[in-house]
Protein backbone atom coordinates (compact mmCIF):
# COMPACT_ATOMS: atom_id res chain seq x y z
CA MET A 1 -13.12 -22.15 13.84
CA ARG A 2 -9.50 -21.77 13.38
CA GLN A 3 -7.46 -18.50 13.58
CA VAL A 4 -4.52 -17.93 11.04
CA PRO A 5 -2.10 -15.23 10.21
CA ILE A 6 -2.73 -13.31 7.47
CA ASP A 7 0.43 -13.97 5.84
CA GLU A 8 -0.05 -17.76 5.94
CA VAL A 9 -3.57 -17.59 4.27
CA LYS A 10 -1.78 -15.31 1.48
CA ASN A 11 0.65 -18.34 1.06
CA ASN A 12 -1.61 -20.92 0.76
CA LEU A 13 -5.29 -19.30 0.20
CA SER A 14 -6.44 -22.61 -1.95
CA GLY A 15 -5.64 -24.79 1.08
CA TYR A 16 -7.58 -22.12 3.68
CA LEU A 17 -10.57 -22.00 1.24
CA GLN A 18 -10.92 -25.95 1.42
CA VAL A 19 -10.65 -25.64 5.32
CA ALA A 20 -13.33 -22.85 5.01
CA GLU A 21 -15.81 -25.36 3.50
CA LYS A 22 -15.85 -27.09 6.64
CA GLU A 23 -15.02 -24.47 9.47
CA SER A 24 -14.93 -20.57 9.38
CA VAL A 25 -11.20 -19.45 8.98
CA ILE A 26 -10.33 -16.33 11.21
CA ILE A 27 -7.59 -13.89 9.65
CA THR A 28 -5.40 -12.29 11.95
CA ARG A 29 -2.76 -9.49 11.78
CA ASP A 30 -0.60 -9.01 14.45
CA GLY A 31 -2.66 -11.56 16.52
CA GLN A 32 -5.94 -9.41 15.78
CA PRO A 33 -8.79 -10.23 13.75
CA VAL A 34 -9.08 -8.64 10.47
CA GLY A 35 -11.30 -10.70 8.43
CA ILE A 36 -12.72 -14.42 7.79
CA LEU A 37 -13.16 -16.89 5.30
CA ILE A 38 -16.59 -18.59 5.03
CA GLY A 39 -16.67 -21.64 2.69
CA LEU A 40 -19.67 -22.08 0.45
CA GLU A 41 -21.01 -25.42 0.25
CA ASP A 42 -22.84 -24.80 -3.03
CA ALA A 43 -23.62 -22.07 -5.11
CA GLU A 44 -27.02 -21.40 -3.34
CA ASP A 45 -25.07 -20.23 -0.25
CA LEU A 46 -23.75 -17.16 -1.77
CA TRP A 47 -26.78 -15.59 -2.01
CA GLU A 48 -27.98 -16.37 1.35
CA GLU A 49 -24.63 -15.01 2.99
CA LEU A 50 -25.19 -11.68 0.46
CA LEU A 51 -28.66 -11.47 1.69
CA VAL A 52 -27.73 -11.68 5.51
CA ARG A 53 -24.83 -8.75 5.05
CA SER A 54 -27.45 -6.37 3.07
CA PRO A 55 -27.94 -3.58 5.50
CA GLY A 56 -31.52 -3.14 4.88
CA PHE A 57 -32.11 -7.08 5.31
CA GLU A 58 -33.63 -6.61 8.90
CA ALA A 59 -36.09 -3.81 7.66
CA GLU A 60 -37.08 -5.93 4.71
CA ILE A 61 -37.86 -8.92 7.05
CA ALA A 62 -40.01 -6.64 9.62
CA GLN A 63 -41.75 -5.37 6.10
CA ALA A 64 -42.31 -8.93 5.13
CA ARG A 65 -43.71 -10.02 8.11
CA GLN A 66 -46.14 -7.03 8.26
CA SER A 67 -47.34 -7.94 4.64
CA LEU A 68 -47.81 -11.37 5.39
CA LYS A 69 -50.07 -10.75 8.49
CA GLN A 70 -52.13 -8.52 5.82
CA GLY A 71 -52.37 -11.42 3.59
CA LYS A 72 -49.66 -10.05 1.27
CA GLY A 73 -46.21 -11.40 0.43
CA ILE A 74 -43.23 -11.85 -1.96
CA SER A 75 -41.85 -15.00 -3.74
CA ILE A 76 -38.42 -16.23 -2.81
CA GLU A 77 -37.51 -15.84 -6.64
CA GLU A 78 -38.59 -11.95 -6.40
CA LEU A 79 -36.51 -11.51 -3.21
CA ARG A 80 -33.44 -13.39 -4.79
CA ALA A 81 -33.62 -11.16 -7.57
CA LYS A 82 -33.85 -8.22 -5.88
CA TYR A 83 -30.65 -8.92 -3.87
CA THR A 84 -28.53 -10.49 -6.68
CA ASP A 85 -29.19 -8.54 -9.65
């Protein structure tokens, strides 16, 4: 993980996006973290990142586990469509 001042990131965003493909880049302002760049190795990574950051994701997981115990379920395609459309 690398920490970089926001001005450096603004001046070389392309370069830091390349760095972020291999390691997270913490963006700082006045020495304090204010953001993070997370690189995506392929397009599939995007929907996973969005899903994990969704506010209702944990509740969806709990509900899915209960449904699976009852013999019900949802396909990965249905889950992807719900969070990416």
